[in-house]
Amino acid sequence: MVDNTGRARTRIGTSQISVRFVSEGNEATGVLRDVSRQGAYIRASQIPRPGAVIAIQFEDTDGKLIEARGEVRWNVSPNGDQPSGFGVIVHEPSRRFRDFVDWALNQSNEKGEDDDAEL
């Protein structure tokens, strides 16, 4: 299903998974807040510009390194209660990234939760 912004609605919260990312020669860290089959939302104090190429890395619950490459689609500067962060569309997701998203979706379904669930 697609929401009114054109994004796929099924996003699964990932609880506070640390992520490292590199974009335009700058390396930083953030928190992977949710994932979908198409991408991810990362909260971070350093946010890359929309359109920038990005590489992300994080560990799954078994400690396996997951890597993905994509493009920054949008970003949010801190505003009141809204922390800074950015959305990534993943191009050609790796098998581990797809497996992680499938695992997250299965966890959400087992908990009986709907879209935008938090793990």
PDB file of N, CA and C in Angstrom:
ATOM      1  N   MET A   1       0.843  -1.172   0.000  1.00  0.00           N
ATOM      2  CA  MET A   1       0.000   0.000   0.000  1.00  0.00           C
ATOM      3  C   MET A   1       0.889   1.236   0.000  1.00  0.00           C
ATOM      4  N   VAL A   2       0.451   2.318  -0.642  1.00  0.00           N
ATOM      5  CA  VAL A   2       1.223   3.547  -0.727  1.00  0.00           C
ATOM      6  C   VAL A   2       0.458   4.662  -0.030  1.00  0.00           C
ATOM      7  N   ASP A   3       1.168   5.471   0.765  1.00  0.00           N
ATOM      8  CA  ASP A   3       0.499   6.579   1.451  1.00  0.00           C
ATOM      9  C   ASP A   3       0.449   7.796   0.542  1.00  0.00           C
ATOM     10  N   ASN A   4      -0.050   8.926   1.055  1.00  0.00           N
ATOM     11  CA  ASN A   4      -0.232  10.107   0.215  1.00  0.00           C
ATOM     12  C   ASN A   4       1.076  10.806  -0.158  1.00  0.00           C
ATOM     13  N   THR A   5       2.210  10.369   0.398  1.00  0.00           N
ATOM     14  CA  THR A   5       3.498  10.941   0.006  1.00  0.00           C
ATOM     15  C   THR A   5       4.167  10.092  -1.059  1.00  0.00           C
ATOM     16  N   GLY A   6       3.529   8.984  -1.438  1.00  0.00           N
ATOM     17  CA  GLY A   6       4.107   8.109  -2.443  1.00  0.00           C
ATOM     18  C   GLY A   6       5.000   7.029  -1.868  1.00  0.00           C
ATOM     19  N   ARG A   7       5.163   6.993  -0.538  1.00  0.00           N
ATOM     20  CA  ARG A   7       6.018   5.987   0.090  1.00  0.00           C
ATOM     21  C   ARG A   7       5.228   4.718   0.354  1.00  0.00           C
ATOM     22  N   ALA A   8       5.925   3.602   0.328  1.00  0.00           N
ATOM     23  CA  ALA A   8       5.297   2.348   0.715  1.00  0.00           C
ATOM     24  C   ALA A   8       4.934   2.447   2.193  1.00  0.00           C
ATOM     25  N   ARG A   9       3.735   2.021   2.564  1.00  0.00           N
ATOM     26  CA  ARG A   9       3.267   2.194   3.935  1.00  0.00           C
ATOM     27  C   ARG A   9       3.879   1.230   4.919  1.00  0.00           C
ATOM     28  N   THR A  10       4.250   0.049   4.510  1.00  0.00           N
ATOM     29  CA  THR A  10       4.735  -0.910   5.480  1.00  0.00           C
ATOM     30  C   THR A  10       6.157  -0.576   5.879  1.00  0.00           C
ATOM     31  N   ARG A  11       6.277   0.100   7.009  1.00  0.00           N
ATOM     32  CA  ARG A  11       7.570   0.437   7.589  1.00  0.00           C
ATOM     33  C   ARG A  11       7.607  -0.206   8.961  1.00  0.00           C
ATOM     34  N   ILE A  12       8.688  -0.866   9.261  1.00  0.00           N
ATOM     35  CA  ILE A  12       8.806  -1.568  10.526  1.00  0.00           C
ATOM     36  C   ILE A  12       9.845  -0.867  11.387  1.00  0.00           C
ATOM     37  N   GLY A  13       9.436  -0.446  12.572  1.00  0.00           N
ATOM     38  CA  GLY A  13      10.352   0.188  13.516  1.00  0.00           C
ATOM     39  C   GLY A  13      11.423  -0.797  13.944  1.00  0.00           C
ATOM     40  N   THR A  14      12.620  -0.285  14.138  1.00  0.00           N
ATOM     41  CA  THR A  14      13.741  -1.165  14.438  1.00  0.00           C
ATOM     42  C   THR A  14      14.347  -0.888  15.795  1.00  0.00           C
ATOM     43  N   SER A  15      13.631  -0.251  16.640  1.00  0.00           N
ATOM     44  CA  SER A  15      14.058   0.056  18.008  1.00  0.00           C
ATOM     45  C   SER A  15      15.332   0.875  18.044  1.00  0.00           C
ATOM     46  N   GLN A  16      16.215   1.012  18.200  1.00  0.00           N
ATOM     47  CA  GLN A  16      17.386   1.846  18.326  1.00  0.00           C
ATOM     48  C   GLN A  16      18.631   1.159  17.763  1.00  0.00           C
ATOM     49  N   ILE A  17      18.582   0.681  16.568  1.00  0.00           N
ATOM     50  CA  ILE A  17      19.744   0.029  15.969  1.00  0.00           C
ATOM     51  C   ILE A  17      20.712   1.101  15.466  1.00  0.00           C
ATOM     52  N   SER A  18      21.962   1.023  15.943  1.00  0.00           N
ATOM     53  CA  SER A  18      22.986   1.976  15.510  1.00  0.00           C
ATOM     54  C   SER A  18      23.365   1.707  14.064  1.00  0.00           C
ATOM     55  N   VAL A  19      23.572   2.778  13.329  1.00  0.00           N
ATOM     56  CA  VAL A  19      23.942   2.670  11.919  1.00  0.00           C
ATOM     57  C   VAL A  19      25.095   3.627  11.635  1.00  0.00           C
ATOM     58  N   ARG A  20      25.987   3.184  10.780  1.00  0.00           N
ATOM     59  CA  ARG A  20      27.078   4.032  10.298  1.00  0.00           C
ATOM     60  C   ARG A  20      26.778   4.315   8.834  1.00  0.00           C
ATOM     61  N   PHE A  21      27.015   5.546   8.419  1.00  0.00           N
ATOM     62  CA  PHE A  21      26.760   5.876   7.018  1.00  0.00           C
ATOM     63  C   PHE A  21      27.842   6.787   6.464  1.00  0.00           C
ATOM     64  N   VAL A  22      28.027   6.679   5.153  1.00  0.00           N
ATOM     65  CA  VAL A  22      28.991   7.510   4.436  1.00  0.00           C
ATOM     66  C   VAL A  22      28.264   8.116   3.248  1.00  0.00           C
ATOM     67  N   SER A  23      28.388   9.449   3.123  1.00  0.00           N
ATOM     68  CA  SER A  23      27.775  10.157   2.010  1.00  0.00           C
ATOM     69  C   SER A  23      28.642  11.352   1.652  1.00  0.00           C
ATOM     70  N   GLU A  24      28.963  11.461   0.384  1.00  0.00           N
ATOM     71  CA  GLU A  24      29.773  12.575  -0.127  1.00  0.00           C
ATOM     72  C   GLU A  24      31.077  12.750   0.652  1.00  0.00           C
ATOM     73  N   GLY A  25      31.701  11.631   0.992  1.00  0.00           N
ATOM     74  CA  GLY A  25      32.978  11.651   1.687  1.00  0.00           C
ATOM     75  C   GLY A  25      32.895  11.887   3.184  1.00  0.00           C
ATOM     76  N   ASN A  26      31.701  12.078   3.719  1.00  0.00           N
ATOM     77  CA  ASN A  26      31.525  12.305   5.150  1.00  0.00           C
ATOM     78  C   ASN A  26      30.982  11.043   5.810  1.00  0.00           C
ATOM     79  N   GLU A  27      31.604  10.646   6.911  1.00  0.00           N
ATOM     80  CA  GLU A  27      31.169   9.480   7.663  1.00  0.00           C
ATOM     81  C   GLU A  27      30.517   9.951   8.966  1.00  0.00           C
ATOM     82  N   ALA A  28      29.396   9.332   9.312  1.00  0.00           N
ATOM     83  CA  ALA A  28      28.685   9.708  10.531  1.00  0.00           C
ATOM     84  C   ALA A  28      27.921   8.494  11.054  1.00  0.00           C
ATOM     85  N   THR A  29      27.312   8.668  12.201  1.00  0.00           N
ATOM     86  CA  THR A  29      26.500   7.605  12.785  1.00  0.00           C
ATOM     87  C   THR A  29      25.111   8.136  13.084  1.00  0.00           C
ATOM     88  N   GLY A  30      24.192   7.221  13.210  1.00  0.00           N
ATOM     89  CA  GLY A  30      22.821   7.567  13.531  1.00  0.00           C
ATOM     90  C   GLY A  30      22.106   6.355  14.093  1.00  0.00           C
ATOM     91  N   VAL A  31      20.801   6.413  14.063  1.00  0.00           N
ATOM     92  CA  VAL A  31      19.955   5.336  14.572  1.00  0.00           C
ATOM     93  C   VAL A  31      18.970   4.949  13.483  1.00  0.00           C
ATOM     94  N   LEU A  32      18.940   3.670  13.173  1.00  0.00           N
ATOM     95  CA  LEU A  32      17.998   3.142  12.194  1.00  0.00           C
ATOM     96  C   LEU A  32      16.639   3.051  12.873  1.00  0.00           C
ATOM     97  N   ARG A  33      15.712   3.911  12.488  1.00  0.00           N
ATOM     98  CA  ARG A  33      14.418   3.964  13.164  1.00  0.00           C
ATOM     99  C   ARG A  33      13.376   3.074  12.524  1.00  0.00           C
ATOM    100  N   ASP A  34      13.401   2.947  11.195  1.00  0.00           N
ATOM    101  CA  ASP A  34      12.502   1.994  10.562  1.00  0.00           C
ATOM    102  C   ASP A  34      13.035   1.595   9.205  1.00  0.00           C
ATOM    103  N   VAL A  35      12.550   0.454   8.737  1.00  0.00           N
ATOM    104  CA  VAL A  35      12.956  -0.067   7.433  1.00  0.00           C
ATOM    105  C   VAL A  35      11.722  -0.522   6.675  1.00  0.00           C
ATOM    106  N   SER A  36      11.872  -0.575   5.374  1.00  0.00           N
ATOM    107  CA  SER A  36      10.863  -1.162   4.506  1.00  0.00           C
ATOM    108  C   SER A  36      11.617  -1.892   3.411  1.00  0.00           C
ATOM    109  N   ARG A  37      10.900  -2.563   2.551  1.00  0.00           N
ATOM    110  CA  ARG A  37      11.561  -3.259   1.447  1.00  0.00           C
ATOM    111  C   ARG A  37      12.294  -2.272   0.535  1.00  0.00           C
ATOM    112  N   GLN A  38      11.841  -1.031   0.507  1.00  0.00           N
ATOM    113  CA  GLN A  38      12.424  -0.031  -0.382  1.00  0.00           C
ATOM    114  C   GLN A  38      13.476   0.858   0.265  1.00  0.00           C
ATOM    115  N   GLY A  39      13.518   0.934   1.585  1.00  0.00           N
ATOM    116  CA  GLY A  39      14.457   1.871   2.176  1.00  0.00           C
ATOM    117  C   GLY A  39      14.456   1.890   3.684  1.00  0.00           C
ATOM    118  N   ALA A  40      14.890   3.034   4.210  1.00  0.00           N
ATOM    119  CA  ALA A  40      15.062   3.168   5.655  1.00  0.00           C
ATOM    120  C   ALA A  40      14.930   4.631   6.066  1.00  0.00           C
ATOM    121  N   TYR A  41      14.620   4.821   7.351  1.00  0.00           N
ATOM    122  CA  TYR A  41      14.634   6.152   7.957  1.00  0.00           C
ATOM    123  C   TYR A  41      15.701   6.128   9.043  1.00  0.00           C
ATOM    124  N   ILE A  42      16.602   7.086   8.991  1.00  0.00           N
ATOM    125  CA  ILE A  42      17.711   7.159   9.932  1.00  0.00           C
ATOM    126  C   ILE A  42      17.665   8.491  10.655  1.00  0.00           C
ATOM    127  N   ARG A  43      17.693   8.449  11.977  1.00  0.00           N
ATOM    128  CA  ARG A  43      17.820   9.675  12.769  1.00  0.00           C
ATOM    129  C   ARG A  43      19.302   9.929  12.976  1.00  0.00           C
ATOM    130  N   ALA A  44      19.705  11.163  12.758  1.00  0.00           N
ATOM    131  CA  ALA A  44      21.114  11.521  12.891  1.00  0.00           C
ATOM    132  C   ALA A  44      21.239  13.024  13.072  1.00  0.00           C
ATOM    133  N   SER A  45      22.320  13.440  13.720  1.00  0.00           N
ATOM    134  CA  SER A  45      22.543  14.879  13.864  1.00  0.00           C
ATOM    135  C   SER A  45      23.173  15.459  12.595  1.00  0.00           C
ATOM    136  N   GLN A  46      23.952  14.660  11.881  1.00  0.00           N
ATOM    137  CA  GLN A  46      24.503  15.074  10.596  1.00  0.00           C
ATOM    138  C   GLN A  46      23.624  14.460   9.512  1.00  0.00           C
ATOM    139  N   ILE A  47      23.027  15.299   8.703  1.00  0.00           N
ATOM    140  CA  ILE A  47      22.109  14.769   7.686  1.00  0.00           C
ATOM    141  C   ILE A  47      22.591  15.149   6.292  1.00  0.00           C
ATOM    142  N   PRO A  48      22.701  14.142   5.421  1.00  0.00           N
ATOM    143  CA  PRO A  48      23.108  14.418   4.047  1.00  0.00           C
ATOM    144  C   PRO A  48      21.987  15.079   3.258  1.00  0.00           C
ATOM    145  N   ARG A  49      22.363  15.702   2.168  1.00  0.00           N
ATOM    146  CA  ARG A  49      21.385  16.414   1.338  1.00  0.00           C
ATOM    147  C   ARG A  49      20.576  15.422   0.503  1.00  0.00           C
ATOM    148  N   PRO A  50      19.338  15.767   0.190  1.00  0.00           N
ATOM    149  CA  PRO A  50      18.557  14.925  -0.720  1.00  0.00           C
ATOM    150  C   PRO A  50      19.267  14.776  -2.062  1.00  0.00           C
ATOM    151  N   GLY A  51      19.238  13.574  -2.601  1.00  0.00           N
ATOM    152  CA  GLY A  51      19.899  13.273  -3.854  1.00  0.00           C
ATOM    153  C   GLY A  51      21.301  12.713  -3.697  1.00  0.00           C
ATOM    154  N   ALA A  52      21.864  12.831  -2.489  1.00  0.00           N
ATOM    155  CA  ALA A  52      23.218  12.326  -2.259  1.00  0.00           C
ATOM    156  C   ALA A  52      23.235  10.798  -2.253  1.00  0.00           C
ATOM    157  N   VAL A  53      24.290  10.234  -2.813  1.00  0.00           N
ATOM    158  CA  VAL A  53      24.501   8.788  -2.750  1.00  0.00           C
ATOM    159  C   VAL A  53      24.951   8.455  -1.330  1.00  0.00           C
ATOM    160  N   ILE A  54      24.485   7.328  -0.806  1.00  0.00           N
ATOM    161  CA  ILE A  54      24.797   6.966   0.576  1.00  0.00           C
ATOM    162  C   ILE A  54      25.040   5.471   0.697  1.00  0.00           C
ATOM    163  N   ALA A  55      25.953   5.121   1.594  1.00  0.00           N
ATOM    164  CA  ALA A  55      26.194   3.728   1.969  1.00  0.00           C
ATOM    165  C   ALA A  55      25.919   3.625   3.465  1.00  0.00           C
ATOM    166  N   ILE A  56      25.141   2.618   3.858  1.00  0.00           N
ATOM    167  CA  ILE A  56      24.840   2.427   5.278  1.00  0.00           C
ATOM    168  C   ILE A  56      25.287   1.037   5.713  1.00  0.00           C
ATOM    169  N   GLN A  57      25.616   0.928   7.013  1.00  0.00           N
ATOM    170  CA  GLN A  57      25.982  -0.341   7.624  1.00  0.00           C
ATOM    171  C   GLN A  57      25.363  -0.406   9.005  1.00  0.00           C
ATOM    172  N   PHE A  58      24.840  -1.582   9.339  1.00  0.00           N
ATOM    173  CA  PHE A  58      24.362  -1.826  10.698  1.00  0.00           C
ATOM    174  C   PHE A  58      24.409  -3.320  10.957  1.00  0.00           C
ATOM    175  N   GLU A  59      24.290  -3.708  12.214  1.00  0.00           N
ATOM    176  CA  GLU A  59      24.289  -5.123  12.569  1.00  0.00           C
ATOM    177  C   GLU A  59      22.877  -5.574  12.868  1.00  0.00           C
ATOM    178  N   ASP A  60      22.541  -6.779  12.389  1.00  0.00           N
ATOM    179  CA  ASP A  60      21.240  -7.342  12.712  1.00  0.00           C
ATOM    180  C   ASP A  60      21.266  -7.896  14.131  1.00  0.00           C
ATOM    181  N   THR A  61      20.194  -8.509  14.556  1.00  0.00           N
ATOM    182  CA  THR A  61      20.094  -9.000  15.932  1.00  0.00           C
ATOM    183  C   THR A  61      21.062 -10.143  16.223  1.00  0.00           C
ATOM    184  N   ASP A  62      21.594 -10.776  15.184  1.00  0.00           N
ATOM    185  CA  ASP A  62      22.588 -11.842  15.351  1.00  0.00           C
ATOM    186  C   ASP A  62      24.017 -11.326  15.221  1.00  0.00           C
ATOM    187  N   GLY A  63      24.180 -10.022  15.063  1.00  0.00           N
ATOM    188  CA  GLY A  63      25.502  -9.433  14.936  1.00  0.00           C
ATOM    189  C   GLY A  63      26.081  -9.493  13.540  1.00  0.00           C
ATOM    190  N   LYS A  64      25.283  -9.892  12.548  1.00  0.00           N
ATOM    191  CA  LYS A  64      25.757  -9.927  11.163  1.00  0.00           C
ATOM    192  C   LYS A  64      25.708  -8.521  10.583  1.00  0.00           C
ATOM    193  N   LEU A  65      26.769  -8.164   9.871  1.00  0.00           N
ATOM    194  CA  LEU A  65      26.854  -6.847   9.253  1.00  0.00           C
ATOM    195  C   LEU A  65      25.949  -6.790   8.028  1.00  0.00           C
ATOM    196  N   ILE A  66      25.126  -5.763   7.981  1.00  0.00           N
ATOM    197  CA  ILE A  66      24.240  -5.531   6.839  1.00  0.00           C
ATOM    198  C   ILE A  66      24.678  -4.230   6.188  1.00  0.00           C
ATOM    199  N   GLU A  67      24.871  -4.283   4.880  1.00  0.00           N
ATOM    200  CA  GLU A  67      25.277  -3.108   4.129  1.00  0.00           C
ATOM    201  C   GLU A  67      24.241  -2.825   3.051  1.00  0.00           C
ATOM    202  N   ALA A  68      24.027  -1.556   2.780  1.00  0.00           N
ATOM    203  CA  ALA A  68      23.114  -1.159   1.717  1.00  0.00           C
ATOM    204  C   ALA A  68      23.612   0.149   1.111  1.00  0.00           C
ATOM    205  N   ARG A  69      23.305   0.319  -0.150  1.00  0.00           N
ATOM    206  CA  ARG A  69      23.645   1.550  -0.862  1.00  0.00           C
ATOM    207  C   ARG A  69      22.369   2.113  -1.468  1.00  0.00           C
ATOM    208  N   GLY A  70      22.308   3.425  -1.507  1.00  0.00           N
ATOM    209  CA  GLY A  70      21.119   4.039  -2.067  1.00  0.00           C
ATOM    210  C   GLY A  70      21.282   5.520  -2.252  1.00  0.00           C
ATOM    211  N   GLU A  71      20.156   6.207  -2.102  1.00  0.00           N
ATOM    212  CA  GLU A  71      20.104   7.650  -2.326  1.00  0.00           C
ATOM    213  C   GLU A  71      19.266   8.285  -1.220  1.00  0.00           C
ATOM    214  N   VAL A  72      19.726   9.416  -0.724  1.00  0.00           N
ATOM    215  CA  VAL A  72      18.950  10.173   0.256  1.00  0.00           C
ATOM    216  C   VAL A  72      17.782  10.805  -0.487  1.00  0.00           C
ATOM    217  N   ARG A  73      16.559  10.508  -0.060  1.00  0.00           N
ATOM    218  CA  ARG A  73      15.371  11.022  -0.741  1.00  0.00           C
ATOM    219  C   ARG A  73      14.853  12.301  -0.101  1.00  0.00           C
ATOM    220  N   TRP A  74      14.963  12.417   1.212  1.00  0.00           N
ATOM    221  CA  TRP A  74      14.470  13.591   1.924  1.00  0.00           C
ATOM    222  C   TRP A  74      15.201  13.685   3.254  1.00  0.00           C
ATOM    223  N   ASN A  75      15.158  14.858   3.855  1.00  0.00           N
ATOM    224  CA  ASN A  75      15.712  14.986   5.198  1.00  0.00           C
ATOM    225  C   ASN A  75      14.865  15.943   6.021  1.00  0.00           C
ATOM    226  N   VAL A  76      15.058  15.860   7.328  1.00  0.00           N
ATOM    227  CA  VAL A  76      14.300  16.668   8.276  1.00  0.00           C
ATOM    228  C   VAL A  76      15.289  17.306   9.242  1.00  0.00           C
ATOM    229  N   SER A  77      15.241  18.625   9.347  1.00  0.00           N
ATOM    230  CA  SER A  77      16.043  19.322  10.348  1.00  0.00           C
ATOM    231  C   SER A  77      15.286  19.311  11.667  1.00  0.00           C
ATOM    232  N   PRO A  78      15.997  19.365  12.805  1.00  0.00           N
ATOM    233  CA  PRO A  78      15.287  19.345  14.087  1.00  0.00           C
ATOM    234  C   PRO A  78      14.321  20.526  14.195  1.00  0.00           C
ATOM    235  N   ASN A  79      13.124  20.232  14.691  1.00  0.00           N
ATOM    236  CA  ASN A  79      12.099  21.260  14.811  1.00  0.00           C
ATOM    237  C   ASN A  79      11.179  20.873  15.963  1.00  0.00           C
ATOM    238  N   GLY A  80      11.332  21.505  17.098  1.00  0.00           N
ATOM    239  CA  GLY A  80      10.498  21.169  18.248  1.00  0.00           C
ATOM    240  C   GLY A  80      10.729  19.737  18.683  1.00  0.00           C
ATOM    241  N   ASP A  81       9.682  18.926  18.633  1.00  0.00           N
ATOM    242  CA  ASP A  81       9.784  17.524  19.021  1.00  0.00           C
ATOM    243  C   ASP A  81      10.305  16.637  17.899  1.00  0.00           C
ATOM    244  N   GLN A  82      10.433  17.173  16.697  1.00  0.00           N
ATOM    245  CA  GLN A  82      10.885  16.399  15.531  1.00  0.00           C
ATOM    246  C   GLN A  82      12.409  16.376  15.476  1.00  0.00           C
ATOM    247  N   PRO A  83      13.036  15.206  15.696  1.00  0.00           N
ATOM    248  CA  PRO A  83      14.502  15.139  15.592  1.00  0.00           C
ATOM    249  C   PRO A  83      14.947  15.135  14.137  1.00  0.00           C
ATOM    250  N   SER A  84      16.219  15.438  13.922  1.00  0.00           N
ATOM    251  CA  SER A  84      16.740  15.431  12.559  1.00  0.00           C
ATOM    252  C   SER A  84      16.913  14.000  12.064  1.00  0.00           C
ATOM    253  N   GLY A  85      16.769  13.828  10.773  1.00  0.00           N
ATOM    254  CA  GLY A  85      16.919  12.508  10.178  1.00  0.00           C
ATOM    255  C   GLY A  85      16.735  12.581   8.675  1.00  0.00           C
ATOM    256  N   PHE A  86      16.774  11.409   8.047  1.00  0.00           N
ATOM    257  CA  PHE A  86      16.637  11.376   6.600  1.00  0.00           C
ATOM    258  C   PHE A  86      16.137  10.018   6.134  1.00  0.00           C
ATOM    259  N   GLY A  87      15.518  10.044   4.964  1.00  0.00           N
ATOM    260  CA  GLY A  87      15.009   8.832   4.354  1.00  0.00           C
ATOM    261  C   GLY A  87      15.918   8.396   3.218  1.00  0.00           C
ATOM    262  N   VAL A  88      16.133   7.087   3.129  1.00  0.00           N
ATOM    263  CA  VAL A  88      17.003   6.505   2.113  1.00  0.00           C
ATOM    264  C   VAL A  88      16.200   5.535   1.265  1.00  0.00           C
ATOM    265  N   ILE A  89      16.330   5.639  -0.046  1.00  0.00           N
ATOM    266  CA  ILE A  89      15.810   4.597  -0.923  1.00  0.00           C
ATOM    267  C   ILE A  89      17.000   3.700  -1.238  1.00  0.00           C
ATOM    268  N   VAL A  90      16.824   2.402  -1.024  1.00  0.00           N
ATOM    269  CA  VAL A  90      17.903   1.444  -1.232  1.00  0.00           C
ATOM    270  C   VAL A  90      17.852   0.942  -2.667  1.00  0.00           C
ATOM    271  N   HIS A  91      18.980   1.054  -3.355  1.00  0.00           N
ATOM    272  CA  HIS A  91      19.109   0.536  -4.716  1.00  0.00           C
ATOM    273  C   HIS A  91      19.741  -0.846  -4.650  1.00  0.00           C
ATOM    274  N   GLU A  92      19.160  -1.800  -5.324  1.00  0.00           N
ATOM    275  CA  GLU A  92      19.676  -3.160  -5.368  1.00  0.00           C
ATOM    276  C   GLU A  92      20.050  -3.669  -3.977  1.00  0.00           C
ATOM    277  N   PRO A  93      19.055  -3.828  -3.102  1.00  0.00           N
ATOM    278  CA  PRO A  93      19.342  -4.263  -1.732  1.00  0.00           C
ATOM    279  C   PRO A  93      20.049  -5.619  -1.708  1.00  0.00           C
ATOM    280  N   SER A  94      20.989  -5.746  -0.785  1.00  0.00           N
ATOM    281  CA  SER A  94      21.713  -7.001  -0.628  1.00  0.00           C
ATOM    282  C   SER A  94      20.777  -8.074  -0.070  1.00  0.00           C
ATOM    283  N   ARG A  95      21.187  -9.306  -0.182  1.00  0.00           N
ATOM    284  CA  ARG A  95      20.417 -10.427   0.367  1.00  0.00           C
ATOM    285  C   ARG A  95      20.237 -10.243   1.877  1.00  0.00           C
ATOM    286  N   ARG A  96      21.277  -9.815   2.570  1.00  0.00           N
ATOM    287  CA  ARG A  96      21.164  -9.620   4.029  1.00  0.00           C
ATOM    288  C   ARG A  96      20.174  -8.514   4.372  1.00  0.00           C
ATOM    289  N   PHE A  97      20.157  -7.440   3.581  1.00  0.00           N
ATOM    290  CA  PHE A  97      19.193  -6.369   3.834  1.00  0.00           C
ATOM    291  C   PHE A  97      17.777  -6.902   3.638  1.00  0.00           C
ATOM    292  N   ARG A  98      17.545  -7.608   2.550  1.00  0.00           N
ATOM    293  CA  ARG A  98      16.216  -8.178   2.293  1.00  0.00           C
ATOM    294  C   ARG A  98      15.822  -9.162   3.386  1.00  0.00           C
ATOM    295  N   ASP A  99      16.773  -9.995   3.819  1.00  0.00           N
ATOM    296  CA  ASP A  99      16.495 -10.952   4.894  1.00  0.00           C
ATOM    297  C   ASP A  99      16.140 -10.228   6.198  1.00  0.00           C
ATOM    298  N   PHE A 100      16.844  -9.126   6.482  1.00  0.00           N
ATOM    299  CA  PHE A 100      16.557  -8.362   7.694  1.00  0.00           C
ATOM    300  C   PHE A 100      15.145  -7.769   7.643  1.00  0.00           C
ATOM    301  N   VAL A 101      14.784  -7.198   6.500  1.00  0.00           N
ATOM    302  CA  VAL A 101      13.441  -6.630   6.358  1.00  0.00           C
ATOM    303  C   VAL A 101      12.394  -7.727   6.500  1.00  0.00           C
ATOM    304  N   ASP A 102      12.625  -8.883   5.881  1.00  0.00           N
ATOM    305  CA  ASP A 102      11.685 -10.004   6.020  1.00  0.00           C
ATOM    306  C   ASP A 102      11.560 -10.431   7.481  1.00  0.00           C
ATOM    307  N   TRP A 103      12.693 -10.511   8.182  1.00  0.00           N
ATOM    308  CA  TRP A 103      12.673 -10.867   9.604  1.00  0.00           C
ATOM    309  C   TRP A 103      11.851  -9.836  10.394  1.00  0.00           C
ATOM    310  N   ALA A 104      12.090  -8.547  10.127  1.00  0.00           N
ATOM    311  CA  ALA A 104      11.372  -7.488  10.840  1.00  0.00           C
ATOM    312  C   ALA A 104       9.870  -7.568  10.566  1.00  0.00           C
ATOM    313  N   LEU A 105       9.504  -7.817   9.316  1.00  0.00           N
ATOM    314  CA  LEU A 105       8.081  -7.952   8.977  1.00  0.00           C
ATOM    315  C   LEU A 105       7.465  -9.159   9.687  1.00  0.00           C
ATOM    316  N   ASN A 106       8.188 -10.263   9.721  1.00  0.00           N
ATOM    317  CA  ASN A 106       7.689 -11.453  10.415  1.00  0.00           C
ATOM    318  C   ASN A 106       7.525 -11.200  11.907  1.00  0.00           C
ATOM    319  N   GLN A 107       8.482 -10.503  12.513  1.00  0.00           N
ATOM    320  CA  GLN A 107       8.376 -10.174  13.939  1.00  0.00           C
ATOM    321  C   GLN A 107       7.148  -9.325  14.206  1.00  0.00           C
ATOM    322  N   SER A 108       6.923  -8.361  13.326  1.00  0.00           N
ATOM    323  CA  SER A 108       5.769  -7.487  13.474  1.00  0.00           C
ATOM    324  C   SER A 108       4.469  -8.276  13.352  1.00  0.00           C
ATOM    325  N   ASN A 109       4.406  -9.165  12.362  1.00  0.00           N
ATOM    326  CA  ASN A 109       3.199  -9.980  12.161  1.00  0.00           C
ATOM    327  C   ASN A 109       2.946 -10.915  13.330  1.00  0.00           C
ATOM    328  N   GLU A 110       4.014 -11.484  13.911  1.00  0.00           N
ATOM    329  CA  GLU A 110       3.855 -12.372  15.063  1.00  0.00           C
ATOM    330  C   GLU A 110       3.309 -11.627  16.267  1.00  0.00           C
ATOM    331  N   LYS A 111       3.651 -10.350  16.380  1.00  0.00           N
ATOM    332  CA  LYS A 111       3.158  -9.535  17.487  1.00  0.00           C
ATOM    333  C   LYS A 111       1.741  -9.034  17.231  1.00  0.00           C
ATOM    334  N   GLY A 112       1.237  -9.300  16.012  1.00  0.00           N
ATOM    335  CA  GLY A 112      -0.112  -8.871  15.671  1.00  0.00           C
ATOM    336  C   GLY A 112      -0.203  -7.379  15.429  1.00  0.00           C
ATOM    337  N   GLU A 113       0.905  -6.781  15.004  1.00  0.00           N
ATOM    338  CA  GLU A 113       0.922  -5.337  14.791  1.00  0.00           C
ATOM    339  C   GLU A 113       0.686  -5.020  13.332  1.00  0.00           C
ATOM    340  N   ASP A 114       0.249  -3.793  13.084  1.00  0.00           N
ATOM    341  CA  ASP A 114      -0.006  -3.319  11.727  1.00  0.00           C
ATOM    342  C   ASP A 114       1.174  -2.525  11.224  1.00  0.00           C
ATOM    343  N   ASP A 115       0.950  -1.793  10.125  1.00  0.00           N
ATOM    344  CA  ASP A 115       1.977  -0.936   9.545  1.00  0.00           C
ATOM    345  C   ASP A 115       2.542  -0.015  10.607  1.00  0.00           C
ATOM    346  N   ASP A 116       3.791   0.400  10.373  1.00  0.00           N
ATOM    347  CA  ASP A 116       4.494   1.313  11.257  1.00  0.00           C
ATOM    348  C   ASP A 116       4.731   0.713  12.641  1.00  0.00           C
ATOM    349  N   ALA A 117       4.871  -0.597  12.712  1.00  0.00           N
ATOM    350  CA  ALA A 117       5.104  -1.279  13.975  1.00  0.00           C
ATOM    351  C   ALA A 117       6.508  -1.004  14.468  1.00  0.00           C
ATOM    352  N   GLU A 118       6.717  -1.087  15.746  1.00  0.00           N
ATOM    353  CA  GLU A 118       8.022  -0.882  16.372  1.00  0.00           C
ATOM    354  C   GLU A 118       8.496  -2.186  16.974  1.00  0.00           C
ATOM    355  N   LEU A 119       9.711  -2.607  16.620  1.00  0.00           N
ATOM    356  CA  LEU A 119      10.268  -3.840  17.173  1.00  0.00           C
ATOM    357  C   LEU A 119      11.195  -3.530  18.321  1.00  0.00           C
TER     358      LEU A 119
END
